[in-house]
Amino acid sequence: MDPMIKIIKSVIFSWLAVLMACCATANREDVSLPAELPMGKTTSPGVLEKQVFAPLLDAGVLRAYESKALSKLEDYYEYLHVISNPSYDTTFRRQAITQALALFTNDSSTPYTGLESSVLLMPVFLEELYRGKWGEVTYEISQAALRQPLEISSDTTYRGQITYLVVLNDQGQHRERVLQNIVVKKVTTDFGAEVQEVWKVFLGN
């Protein structure tokens, strides 16, 4: 067969395949979202930077903030390990306390730790963890899912929920399913010569 005919046939077949795929997509019925959506950390910093000063956030940016909230959740449990580990430098562990507190909207309560800490205010819990009350702790986070997408609750706040499994100290038989509030709100930030309100994501408590 003439090579040119082969090329033409190949182009035609490729075009038909694209056309059939488009038709299938157009005729497909809408499918309701599941109660929990798997989450991944694929956020590009540029996605958030573009709308950090925007009056309201679009859907794409909210999805990016949901992924960022998952990263902050993992940071929280990593900080707990650092704070509890006496082999780390004291200054480093103290900095971890400050950074852990900054992840949350307030310090009124403590998210799940498996250490009977839920009745303690966050600063009290972190201080007792630092002093070795529960020894060194490690956590594993898995099966994170979006339970409630971020939705606007006021002119300056969006709220949602994520759920995940957490394991304390490699005790695989003691997996706990945890529900965590997430919040995106405007905060006042000093940029040197001026002060502006910018969007920032927090773990709610």
N, C-alpha and C. Protein backbone atom coordinates (compact mmCIF):
# COMPACT_ATOMS: atom_id res chain seq x y z
N MET A 1 0.85 -1.20 0.00
CA MET A 1 0.00 0.00 0.00
C MET A 1 0.88 1.24 0.00
N ASP A 2 0.43 2.24 -0.77
CA ASP A 2 1.16 3.49 -0.87
C ASP A 2 1.32 4.12 0.52
N PRO A 3 2.52 4.52 0.93
CA PRO A 3 2.74 5.12 2.26
C PRO A 3 1.84 6.33 2.51
N MET A 4 1.58 7.12 1.48
CA MET A 4 0.73 8.29 1.65
C MET A 4 -0.69 7.89 2.02
N ILE A 5 -1.19 6.79 1.44
CA ILE A 5 -2.54 6.32 1.77
C ILE A 5 -2.60 5.86 3.21
N LYS A 6 -1.52 5.20 3.67
CA LYS A 6 -1.47 4.77 5.07
C LYS A 6 -1.57 5.97 6.01
N ILE A 7 -0.87 7.04 5.68
CA ILE A 7 -0.89 8.23 6.53
C ILE A 7 -2.28 8.84 6.56
N ILE A 8 -2.91 8.92 5.37
CA ILE A 8 -4.26 9.51 5.30
C ILE A 8 -5.24 8.68 6.11
N LYS A 9 -5.16 7.34 5.99
CA LYS A 9 -6.06 6.48 6.76
C LYS A 9 -5.84 6.66 8.26
N SER A 10 -4.58 6.78 8.66
CA SER A 10 -4.26 6.96 10.07
C SER A 10 -4.87 8.24 10.61
N VAL A 11 -4.78 9.32 9.81
CA VAL A 11 -5.37 10.60 10.23
C VAL A 11 -6.87 10.49 10.36
N ILE A 12 -7.50 9.81 9.39
CA ILE A 12 -8.97 9.67 9.41
C ILE A 12 -9.42 8.89 10.64
N PHE A 13 -8.72 7.77 10.92
CA PHE A 13 -9.08 6.95 12.09
C PHE A 13 -8.92 7.74 13.39
N SER A 14 -7.87 8.54 13.49
CA SER A 14 -7.64 9.35 14.69
C SER A 14 -8.75 10.38 14.86
N TRP A 15 -9.15 10.99 13.74
CA TRP A 15 -10.22 11.99 13.78
C TRP A 15 -11.53 11.37 14.22
N LEU A 16 -11.83 10.16 13.69
CA LEU A 16 -13.07 9.47 14.07
C LEU A 16 -13.06 9.10 15.55
N ALA A 17 -11.92 8.70 16.08
CA ALA A 17 -11.83 8.33 17.50
C ALA A 17 -12.12 9.53 18.38
N VAL A 18 -11.55 10.70 18.03
CA VAL A 18 -11.81 11.92 18.80
C VAL A 18 -13.27 12.30 18.73
N LEU A 19 -13.88 12.19 17.52
CA LEU A 19 -15.29 12.55 17.34
C LEU A 19 -16.19 11.66 18.19
N MET A 20 -15.90 10.34 18.21
CA MET A 20 -16.71 9.41 19.01
C MET A 20 -16.57 9.70 20.49
N ALA A 21 -15.39 10.06 20.94
CA ALA A 21 -15.19 10.38 22.37
C ALA A 21 -15.97 11.61 22.75
N CYS A 22 -15.97 12.61 21.88
CA CYS A 22 -16.73 13.84 22.17
C CYS A 22 -18.21 13.58 22.25
N CYS A 23 -18.71 12.74 21.35
CA CYS A 23 -20.14 12.42 21.37
C CYS A 23 -20.52 11.66 22.63
N ALA A 24 -19.64 10.75 23.03
CA ALA A 24 -19.94 9.98 24.25
C ALA A 24 -20.00 10.89 25.46
N THR A 25 -19.08 11.87 25.54
CA THR A 25 -19.09 12.81 26.66
C THR A 25 -20.33 13.67 26.65
N ALA A 26 -20.75 14.11 25.46
CA ALA A 26 -21.91 14.99 25.35
C ALA A 26 -23.18 14.29 25.76
N ASN A 27 -23.27 12.94 25.49
CA ASN A 27 -24.50 12.21 25.77
C ASN A 27 -24.53 11.60 27.16
N ARG A 28 -23.44 11.72 27.90
CA ARG A 28 -23.36 11.10 29.21
C ARG A 28 -24.22 11.85 30.22
N GLU A 29 -24.97 11.13 31.05
CA GLU A 29 -25.80 11.76 32.07
C GLU A 29 -24.96 12.26 33.21
N ASP A 30 -25.41 13.33 33.88
CA ASP A 30 -24.71 13.84 35.05
C ASP A 30 -24.76 12.82 36.17
N VAL A 31 -23.66 12.67 36.89
CA VAL A 31 -23.57 11.71 37.98
C VAL A 31 -23.37 12.46 39.28
N SER A 32 -24.14 12.14 40.30
CA SER A 32 -24.01 12.80 41.60
C SER A 32 -22.67 12.47 42.21
N LEU A 33 -22.09 13.45 42.90
CA LEU A 33 -20.81 13.24 43.55
C LEU A 33 -20.98 12.31 44.74
N PRO A 34 -20.00 11.47 45.03
CA PRO A 34 -20.08 10.62 46.22
C PRO A 34 -19.98 11.45 47.48
N ALA A 35 -20.33 10.83 48.61
CA ALA A 35 -20.31 11.55 49.89
C ALA A 35 -18.91 11.99 50.25
N GLU A 36 -17.91 11.19 49.84
CA GLU A 36 -16.53 11.52 50.15
C GLU A 36 -15.70 11.44 48.87
N LEU A 37 -14.94 12.49 48.60
CA LEU A 37 -14.12 12.55 47.40
C LEU A 37 -12.66 12.37 47.77
N PRO A 38 -11.96 11.41 47.15
CA PRO A 38 -10.53 11.25 47.43
C PRO A 38 -9.78 12.55 47.18
N MET A 39 -8.79 12.80 48.00
CA MET A 39 -8.03 14.04 47.90
C MET A 39 -6.59 13.75 47.56
N GLY A 40 -5.99 14.67 46.82
CA GLY A 40 -4.57 14.57 46.51
C GLY A 40 -3.94 15.94 46.65
N LYS A 41 -2.63 15.97 46.78
CA LYS A 41 -1.92 17.23 46.95
C LYS A 41 -1.24 17.61 45.64
N THR A 42 -2.01 18.19 44.75
CA THR A 42 -1.48 18.56 43.44
C THR A 42 -1.56 20.06 43.23
N THR A 43 -1.62 20.80 44.31
CA THR A 43 -1.80 22.24 44.23
C THR A 43 -0.56 22.94 43.71
N SER A 44 -0.76 23.80 42.73
CA SER A 44 0.32 24.66 42.25
C SER A 44 0.24 25.98 43.01
N PRO A 45 1.34 26.43 43.61
CA PRO A 45 1.30 27.69 44.37
C PRO A 45 0.73 28.85 43.56
N GLY A 46 0.96 28.84 42.24
CA GLY A 46 0.47 29.92 41.41
C GLY A 46 -1.04 30.02 41.38
N VAL A 47 -1.73 28.89 41.55
CA VAL A 47 -3.19 28.89 41.54
C VAL A 47 -3.73 29.75 42.66
N LEU A 48 -3.12 29.67 43.84
CA LEU A 48 -3.59 30.44 44.99
C LEU A 48 -3.10 31.88 44.93
N GLU A 49 -1.89 32.09 44.46
CA GLU A 49 -1.34 33.44 44.42
C GLU A 49 -2.14 34.37 43.54
N LYS A 50 -2.76 33.84 42.50
CA LYS A 50 -3.50 34.66 41.56
C LYS A 50 -4.73 35.31 42.20
N GLN A 51 -5.31 34.64 43.22
CA GLN A 51 -6.54 35.16 43.80
C GLN A 51 -6.42 35.45 45.29
N VAL A 52 -5.20 35.59 45.77
CA VAL A 52 -5.01 35.79 47.20
C VAL A 52 -5.66 37.09 47.68
N PHE A 53 -5.80 38.08 46.77
CA PHE A 53 -6.41 39.35 47.14
C PHE A 53 -7.85 39.49 46.61
N ALA A 54 -8.36 38.46 45.93
CA ALA A 54 -9.68 38.55 45.29
C ALA A 54 -10.78 38.74 46.33
N PRO A 55 -11.87 39.45 45.98
CA PRO A 55 -12.99 39.62 46.91
C PRO A 55 -13.70 38.30 47.20
N LEU A 56 -13.81 37.43 46.19
CA LEU A 56 -14.39 36.11 46.36
C LEU A 56 -13.53 35.10 45.60
N LEU A 57 -13.65 33.81 45.96
CA LEU A 57 -12.81 32.77 45.37
C LEU A 57 -13.62 31.89 44.42
N ASP A 58 -13.03 31.54 43.28
CA ASP A 58 -13.74 30.68 42.34
C ASP A 58 -13.53 29.21 42.71
N ALA A 59 -14.25 28.34 42.01
CA ALA A 59 -14.26 26.91 42.36
C ALA A 59 -12.86 26.29 42.29
N GLY A 60 -12.09 26.65 41.26
CA GLY A 60 -10.76 26.08 41.11
C GLY A 60 -9.85 26.42 42.27
N VAL A 61 -9.94 27.65 42.74
CA VAL A 61 -9.10 28.08 43.86
C VAL A 61 -9.54 27.39 45.15
N LEU A 62 -10.84 27.20 45.34
CA LEU A 62 -11.33 26.50 46.53
C LEU A 62 -10.82 25.05 46.56
N ARG A 63 -10.79 24.39 45.38
CA ARG A 63 -10.24 23.03 45.34
C ARG A 63 -8.76 23.03 45.73
N ALA A 64 -8.05 24.07 45.30
CA ALA A 64 -6.64 24.17 45.66
C ALA A 64 -6.46 24.35 47.16
N TYR A 65 -7.33 25.15 47.76
CA TYR A 65 -7.26 25.36 49.21
C TYR A 65 -7.60 24.07 49.97
N GLU A 66 -8.50 23.27 49.44
CA GLU A 66 -8.82 21.99 50.08
C GLU A 66 -7.58 21.09 50.11
N SER A 67 -6.84 21.06 49.01
CA SER A 67 -5.60 20.27 48.98
C SER A 67 -4.57 20.83 49.94
N LYS A 68 -4.50 22.14 50.03
CA LYS A 68 -3.55 22.78 50.95
C LYS A 68 -3.92 22.46 52.40
N ALA A 69 -5.22 22.36 52.69
CA ALA A 69 -5.67 22.01 54.04
C ALA A 69 -5.18 20.61 54.42
N LEU A 70 -5.21 19.70 53.45
CA LEU A 70 -4.70 18.34 53.71
C LEU A 70 -3.22 18.39 54.05
N SER A 71 -2.46 19.20 53.35
CA SER A 71 -1.04 19.34 53.66
C SER A 71 -0.83 19.87 55.07
N LYS A 72 -1.67 20.82 55.47
CA LYS A 72 -1.55 21.38 56.83
C LYS A 72 -1.91 20.35 57.88
N LEU A 73 -2.87 19.49 57.56
CA LEU A 73 -3.24 18.43 58.49
C LEU A 73 -2.06 17.49 58.71
N GLU A 74 -1.38 17.13 57.64
CA GLU A 74 -0.21 16.26 57.77
C GLU A 74 0.91 16.98 58.52
N ASP A 75 1.03 18.28 58.29
CA ASP A 75 2.03 19.07 59.03
C ASP A 75 1.75 19.01 60.53
N TYR A 76 0.48 19.10 60.90
CA TYR A 76 0.10 19.09 62.31
C TYR A 76 0.62 17.83 63.01
N TYR A 77 0.36 16.67 62.40
CA TYR A 77 0.79 15.42 63.03
C TYR A 77 2.31 15.26 63.00
N GLU A 78 2.96 15.83 62.01
CA GLU A 78 4.42 15.81 61.97
C GLU A 78 4.99 16.68 63.09
N TYR A 79 4.36 17.83 63.33
CA TYR A 79 4.79 18.70 64.44
C TYR A 79 4.64 17.98 65.78
N LEU A 80 3.57 17.20 65.94
CA LEU A 80 3.39 16.47 67.20
C LEU A 80 4.56 15.52 67.43
N HIS A 81 5.03 14.88 66.36
CA HIS A 81 6.17 13.99 66.51
C HIS A 81 7.43 14.77 66.91
N VAL A 82 7.66 15.89 66.27
CA VAL A 82 8.83 16.71 66.59
C VAL A 82 8.78 17.20 68.03
N ILE A 83 7.62 17.71 68.43
CA ILE A 83 7.46 18.25 69.79
C ILE A 83 7.71 17.18 70.85
N SER A 84 7.29 15.97 70.57
CA SER A 84 7.38 14.89 71.57
C SER A 84 8.74 14.20 71.60
N ASN A 85 9.58 14.48 70.62
CA ASN A 85 10.85 13.76 70.49
C ASN A 85 11.97 14.50 71.22
N PRO A 86 12.42 13.98 72.36
CA PRO A 86 13.45 14.66 73.16
C PRO A 86 14.82 14.69 72.51
N SER A 87 15.00 13.92 71.43
CA SER A 87 16.30 13.92 70.77
C SER A 87 16.51 15.15 69.89
N TYR A 88 15.42 15.87 69.60
CA TYR A 88 15.54 17.09 68.80
C TYR A 88 15.95 18.26 69.68
N ASP A 89 16.54 19.26 69.05
CA ASP A 89 16.95 20.47 69.74
C ASP A 89 15.75 21.16 70.39
N THR A 90 15.95 21.69 71.59
CA THR A 90 14.86 22.34 72.33
C THR A 90 14.26 23.51 71.55
N THR A 91 15.09 24.33 70.95
CA THR A 91 14.59 25.46 70.17
C THR A 91 13.74 24.99 69.00
N PHE A 92 14.18 23.95 68.34
CA PHE A 92 13.46 23.38 67.21
C PHE A 92 12.08 22.89 67.65
N ARG A 93 12.03 22.23 68.80
CA ARG A 93 10.75 21.71 69.30
C ARG A 93 9.82 22.85 69.70
N ARG A 94 10.36 23.91 70.28
CA ARG A 94 9.54 25.08 70.65
C ARG A 94 8.98 25.76 69.40
N GLN A 95 9.77 25.82 68.36
CA GLN A 95 9.30 26.39 67.10
C GLN A 95 8.17 25.56 66.52
N ALA A 96 8.25 24.25 66.70
CA ALA A 96 7.20 23.36 66.21
C ALA A 96 5.88 23.64 66.93
N ILE A 97 5.95 23.97 68.21
CA ILE A 97 4.74 24.33 68.96
C ILE A 97 4.09 25.56 68.36
N THR A 98 4.90 26.58 68.09
CA THR A 98 4.38 27.82 67.50
C THR A 98 3.77 27.56 66.13
N GLN A 99 4.43 26.75 65.33
CA GLN A 99 3.94 26.46 63.99
C GLN A 99 2.67 25.62 64.02
N ALA A 100 2.58 24.70 64.97
CA ALA A 100 1.37 23.88 65.10
C ALA A 100 0.17 24.75 65.47
N LEU A 101 0.35 25.67 66.39
CA LEU A 101 -0.73 26.56 66.79
C LEU A 101 -1.20 27.44 65.62
N ALA A 102 -0.26 27.83 64.77
CA ALA A 102 -0.58 28.72 63.65
C ALA A 102 -1.42 28.04 62.58
N LEU A 103 -1.52 26.71 62.61
CA LEU A 103 -2.30 25.99 61.62
C LEU A 103 -3.80 26.13 61.85
N PHE A 104 -4.20 26.55 63.05
CA PHE A 104 -5.61 26.50 63.44
C PHE A 104 -6.22 27.89 63.58
N THR A 105 -7.55 27.93 63.47
CA THR A 105 -8.27 29.20 63.60
C THR A 105 -8.23 29.73 65.02
N ASN A 106 -8.16 28.83 65.99
CA ASN A 106 -8.06 29.23 67.40
C ASN A 106 -7.49 28.07 68.19
N ASP A 107 -7.30 28.27 69.50
CA ASP A 107 -6.71 27.21 70.32
C ASP A 107 -7.69 26.69 71.35
N SER A 108 -8.99 26.68 70.99
CA SER A 108 -10.01 26.31 71.96
C SER A 108 -10.07 24.81 72.22
N SER A 109 -9.66 24.00 71.25
CA SER A 109 -9.70 22.55 71.45
C SER A 109 -8.62 21.88 70.63
N THR A 110 -8.42 20.58 70.87
CA THR A 110 -7.35 19.84 70.22
C THR A 110 -7.94 18.75 69.33
N PRO A 111 -7.55 18.68 68.04
CA PRO A 111 -8.02 17.59 67.16
C PRO A 111 -7.56 16.24 67.68
N TYR A 112 -8.07 15.18 67.10
CA TYR A 112 -7.79 13.83 67.56
C TYR A 112 -6.29 13.55 67.61
N THR A 113 -5.86 12.98 68.73
CA THR A 113 -4.46 12.57 68.88
C THR A 113 -4.32 11.15 69.40
N GLY A 114 -5.41 10.57 69.94
CA GLY A 114 -5.33 9.26 70.55
C GLY A 114 -4.67 9.28 71.92
N LEU A 115 -4.49 10.49 72.49
CA LEU A 115 -3.76 10.64 73.76
C LEU A 115 -4.64 11.22 74.86
N GLU A 116 -5.95 11.10 74.72
CA GLU A 116 -6.88 11.65 75.71
C GLU A 116 -6.63 13.14 75.92
N SER A 117 -6.43 13.84 74.80
CA SER A 117 -6.09 15.25 74.86
C SER A 117 -7.22 16.16 74.42
N SER A 118 -8.37 15.59 74.02
CA SER A 118 -9.45 16.38 73.44
C SER A 118 -10.04 17.39 74.42
N VAL A 119 -9.89 17.14 75.72
CA VAL A 119 -10.46 18.06 76.71
C VAL A 119 -9.50 19.20 77.03
N LEU A 120 -8.30 19.16 76.48
CA LEU A 120 -7.30 20.18 76.78
C LEU A 120 -7.30 21.28 75.72
N LEU A 121 -7.03 22.49 76.16
CA LEU A 121 -6.78 23.55 75.20
C LEU A 121 -5.51 23.22 74.43
N MET A 122 -5.45 23.63 73.18
CA MET A 122 -4.31 23.29 72.34
C MET A 122 -2.96 23.66 72.97
N PRO A 123 -2.77 24.88 73.49
CA PRO A 123 -1.46 25.22 74.07
C PRO A 123 -1.08 24.32 75.25
N VAL A 124 -2.07 23.96 76.06
CA VAL A 124 -1.81 23.10 77.22
C VAL A 124 -1.38 21.71 76.76
N PHE A 125 -2.11 21.17 75.77
CA PHE A 125 -1.77 19.85 75.25
C PHE A 125 -0.35 19.82 74.68
N LEU A 126 -0.01 20.82 73.86
CA LEU A 126 1.31 20.84 73.24
C LEU A 126 2.42 20.98 74.27
N GLU A 127 2.16 21.72 75.32
CA GLU A 127 3.17 21.88 76.38
C GLU A 127 3.38 20.56 77.12
N GLU A 128 2.31 19.85 77.40
CA GLU A 128 2.44 18.57 78.10
C GLU A 128 3.10 17.53 77.19
N LEU A 129 2.81 17.61 75.89
CA LEU A 129 3.47 16.72 74.94
C LEU A 129 4.97 17.00 74.91
N TYR A 130 5.32 18.28 74.95
CA TYR A 130 6.72 18.69 74.97
C TYR A 130 7.43 18.18 76.22
N ARG A 131 6.75 18.18 77.33
CA ARG A 131 7.35 17.77 78.60
C ARG A 131 7.40 16.25 78.77
N GLY A 132 6.89 15.51 77.78
CA GLY A 132 7.05 14.06 77.78
C GLY A 132 5.95 13.27 78.44
N LYS A 133 4.77 13.85 78.60
CA LYS A 133 3.69 13.14 79.29
C LYS A 133 3.32 11.84 78.59
N TRP A 134 3.35 11.81 77.27
CA TRP A 134 2.97 10.60 76.52
C TRP A 134 4.14 9.96 75.79
N GLY A 135 5.34 10.43 76.06
CA GLY A 135 6.50 9.90 75.36
C GLY A 135 6.53 10.37 73.91
N GLU A 136 7.38 9.75 73.11
CA GLU A 136 7.48 10.12 71.70
C GLU A 136 6.31 9.52 70.92
N VAL A 137 5.68 10.32 70.08
CA VAL A 137 4.53 9.84 69.31
C VAL A 137 4.80 10.00 67.81
N THR A 138 4.25 9.08 67.03
CA THR A 138 4.30 9.17 65.58
C THR A 138 2.90 8.88 65.03
N TYR A 139 2.60 9.45 63.88
CA TYR A 139 1.27 9.27 63.28
C TYR A 139 1.39 8.94 61.81
N GLU A 140 0.40 8.20 61.34
CA GLU A 140 0.27 7.91 59.91
C GLU A 140 -1.13 8.33 59.47
N ILE A 141 -1.20 9.16 58.43
CA ILE A 141 -2.47 9.64 57.89
C ILE A 141 -2.75 8.93 56.57
N SER A 142 -3.99 8.45 56.38
CA SER A 142 -4.32 7.78 55.13
C SER A 142 -5.80 7.99 54.79
N GLN A 143 -6.16 7.64 53.57
CA GLN A 143 -7.54 7.69 53.09
C GLN A 143 -8.22 9.04 53.34
N ALA A 144 -7.48 10.10 53.10
CA ALA A 144 -8.07 11.44 53.25
C ALA A 144 -9.11 11.65 52.16
N ALA A 145 -10.25 12.22 52.53
CA ALA A 145 -11.33 12.44 51.58
C ALA A 145 -12.04 13.74 51.92
N LEU A 146 -12.64 14.34 50.91
CA LEU A 146 -13.39 15.57 51.09
C LEU A 146 -14.82 15.23 51.48
N ARG A 147 -15.19 15.52 52.71
CA ARG A 147 -16.54 15.23 53.18
C ARG A 147 -17.51 16.34 52.81
N GLN A 148 -17.07 17.57 52.97
CA GLN A 148 -17.89 18.73 52.63
C GLN A 148 -17.02 19.75 51.91
N PRO A 149 -17.25 19.99 50.61
CA PRO A 149 -16.43 20.98 49.89
C PRO A 149 -16.54 22.36 50.54
N LEU A 150 -15.52 23.16 50.36
CA LEU A 150 -15.54 24.52 50.89
C LEU A 150 -16.70 25.31 50.26
N GLU A 151 -17.49 25.92 51.13
CA GLU A 151 -18.60 26.76 50.68
C GLU A 151 -18.57 28.06 51.46
N ILE A 152 -19.02 29.11 50.83
CA ILE A 152 -19.00 30.42 51.47
C ILE A 152 -19.99 30.46 52.63
N SER A 153 -19.55 30.99 53.77
CA SER A 153 -20.43 31.13 54.93
C SER A 153 -20.59 32.59 55.33
N SER A 154 -19.69 33.45 54.82
CA SER A 154 -19.81 34.89 55.02
C SER A 154 -18.96 35.57 53.95
N ASP A 155 -18.92 36.87 53.95
CA ASP A 155 -18.15 37.59 52.94
C ASP A 155 -16.66 37.31 53.04
N THR A 156 -16.21 36.87 54.20
CA THR A 156 -14.76 36.68 54.40
C THR A 156 -14.40 35.28 54.87
N THR A 157 -15.31 34.30 54.74
CA THR A 157 -15.03 32.95 55.25
C THR A 157 -15.68 31.88 54.38
N TYR A 158 -14.91 30.81 54.12
CA TYR A 158 -15.43 29.59 53.49
C TYR A 158 -15.17 28.44 54.46
N ARG A 159 -16.12 27.49 54.52
CA ARG A 159 -15.98 26.36 55.44
C ARG A 159 -16.24 25.04 54.73
N GLY A 160 -15.53 24.01 55.19
CA GLY A 160 -15.71 22.67 54.63
C GLY A 160 -15.22 21.63 55.63
N GLN A 161 -15.18 20.36 55.21
CA GLN A 161 -14.73 19.29 56.10
C GLN A 161 -13.98 18.23 55.30
N ILE A 162 -12.94 17.70 55.91
CA ILE A 162 -12.25 16.54 55.35
C ILE A 162 -12.26 15.43 56.39
N THR A 163 -12.20 14.20 55.91
CA THR A 163 -12.17 13.05 56.80
C THR A 163 -10.95 12.20 56.46
N TYR A 164 -10.42 11.49 57.44
CA TYR A 164 -9.20 10.73 57.21
C TYR A 164 -9.05 9.66 58.28
N LEU A 165 -8.18 8.71 58.02
CA LEU A 165 -7.81 7.70 59.00
C LEU A 165 -6.47 8.07 59.62
N VAL A 166 -6.35 7.89 60.93
CA VAL A 166 -5.10 8.19 61.60
C VAL A 166 -4.70 7.01 62.48
N VAL A 167 -3.41 6.70 62.46
CA VAL A 167 -2.87 5.61 63.28
C VAL A 167 -1.79 6.19 64.17
N LEU A 168 -1.87 5.89 65.47
CA LEU A 168 -0.89 6.36 66.45
C LEU A 168 0.15 5.29 66.70
N ASN A 169 1.44 5.67 66.60
CA ASN A 169 2.56 4.78 66.95
C ASN A 169 2.50 3.43 66.25
N ASP A 170 2.15 3.43 64.95
CA ASP A 170 2.14 2.21 64.13
C ASP A 170 1.20 1.13 64.66
N GLN A 171 0.20 1.51 65.41
CA GLN A 171 -0.77 0.54 65.93
C GLN A 171 -1.89 0.39 64.89
N GLY A 172 -1.61 -0.40 63.84
CA GLY A 172 -2.53 -0.52 62.73
C GLY A 172 -3.91 -0.99 63.10
N GLN A 173 -4.01 -1.73 64.20
CA GLN A 173 -5.31 -2.24 64.62
C GLN A 173 -6.17 -1.17 65.28
N HIS A 174 -5.58 0.00 65.55
CA HIS A 174 -6.31 1.08 66.20
C HIS A 174 -6.43 2.28 65.28
N ARG A 175 -7.00 2.06 64.12
CA ARG A 175 -7.23 3.15 63.17
C ARG A 175 -8.49 3.92 63.57
N GLU A 176 -8.39 5.23 63.54
CA GLU A 176 -9.53 6.08 63.88
C GLU A 176 -9.92 6.93 62.67
N ARG A 177 -11.21 6.96 62.37
CA ARG A 177 -11.72 7.83 61.33
C ARG A 177 -12.06 9.17 61.97
N VAL A 178 -11.44 10.23 61.46
CA VAL A 178 -11.57 11.56 62.07
C VAL A 178 -12.18 12.53 61.06
N LEU A 179 -13.04 13.41 61.57
CA LEU A 179 -13.65 14.46 60.76
C LEU A 179 -13.04 15.79 61.18
N GLN A 180 -12.48 16.52 60.22
CA GLN A 180 -11.77 17.76 60.52
C GLN A 180 -12.37 18.93 59.74
N ASN A 181 -12.73 19.99 60.46
CA ASN A 181 -13.20 21.21 59.81
C ASN A 181 -12.03 21.93 59.15
N ILE A 182 -12.30 22.56 58.01
CA ILE A 182 -11.30 23.40 57.35
C ILE A 182 -11.93 24.76 57.06
N VAL A 183 -11.13 25.80 57.13
CA VAL A 183 -11.63 27.16 57.00
C VAL A 183 -10.68 27.96 56.11
N VAL A 184 -11.26 28.69 55.18
CA VAL A 184 -10.49 29.68 54.41
C VAL A 184 -11.08 31.04 54.74
N LYS A 185 -10.25 31.93 55.23
CA LYS A 185 -10.76 33.25 55.62
C LYS A 185 -9.73 34.33 55.32
N LYS A 186 -10.20 35.56 55.34
CA LYS A 186 -9.31 36.68 55.11
C LYS A 186 -8.61 37.07 56.40
N VAL A 187 -7.31 37.27 56.30
CA VAL A 187 -6.53 37.69 57.46
C VAL A 187 -5.72 38.92 57.07
N THR A 188 -5.48 39.77 58.04
CA THR A 188 -4.71 40.98 57.80
C THR A 188 -3.22 40.65 57.81
N THR A 189 -2.54 41.03 56.75
CA THR A 189 -1.12 40.71 56.60
C THR A 189 -0.32 41.98 56.33
N ASP A 190 0.80 42.09 57.00
CA ASP A 190 1.68 43.26 56.84
C ASP A 190 2.69 42.98 55.73
N PHE A 191 2.64 43.79 54.67
CA PHE A 191 3.56 43.67 53.56
C PHE A 191 4.64 44.75 53.59
N GLY A 192 4.95 45.21 54.77
CA GLY A 192 5.98 46.23 54.92
C GLY A 192 5.41 47.62 54.83
N ALA A 193 5.28 48.12 53.63
CA ALA A 193 4.80 49.49 53.44
C ALA A 193 3.29 49.58 53.58
N GLU A 194 2.57 48.46 53.45
CA GLU A 194 1.12 48.49 53.54
C GLU A 194 0.59 47.22 54.19
N VAL A 195 -0.64 47.31 54.66
CA VAL A 195 -1.33 46.18 55.27
C VAL A 195 -2.53 45.82 54.40
N GLN A 196 -2.66 44.54 54.06
CA GLN A 196 -3.76 44.10 53.22
C GLN A 196 -4.39 42.83 53.78
N GLU A 197 -5.64 42.59 53.36
CA GLU A 197 -6.31 41.35 53.73
C GLU A 197 -6.09 40.32 52.62
N VAL A 198 -5.68 39.13 53.02
CA VAL A 198 -5.43 38.05 52.05
C VAL A 198 -6.14 36.79 52.52
N TRP A 199 -6.42 35.90 51.58
CA TRP A 199 -7.04 34.63 51.91
C TRP A 199 -6.01 33.66 52.45
N LYS A 200 -6.40 32.90 53.47
CA LYS A 200 -5.49 31.90 54.05
C LYS A 200 -6.32 30.73 54.55
N VAL A 201 -5.78 29.52 54.44
CA VAL A 201 -6.50 28.33 54.85
C VAL A 201 -6.02 27.88 56.24
N PHE A 202 -6.98 27.43 57.06
CA PHE A 202 -6.68 26.97 58.43
C PHE A 202 -7.41 25.65 58.68
N LEU A 203 -6.95 24.95 59.68
CA LEU A 203 -7.70 23.82 60.24
C LEU A 203 -8.61 24.40 61.31
N GLY A 204 -9.88 24.05 61.25
CA GLY A 204 -10.83 24.58 62.23
C GLY A 204 -10.91 23.70 63.45
N ASN A 205 -11.26 24.31 64.59
CA ASN A 205 -11.45 23.52 65.82
C ASN A 205 -12.49 24.21 66.69
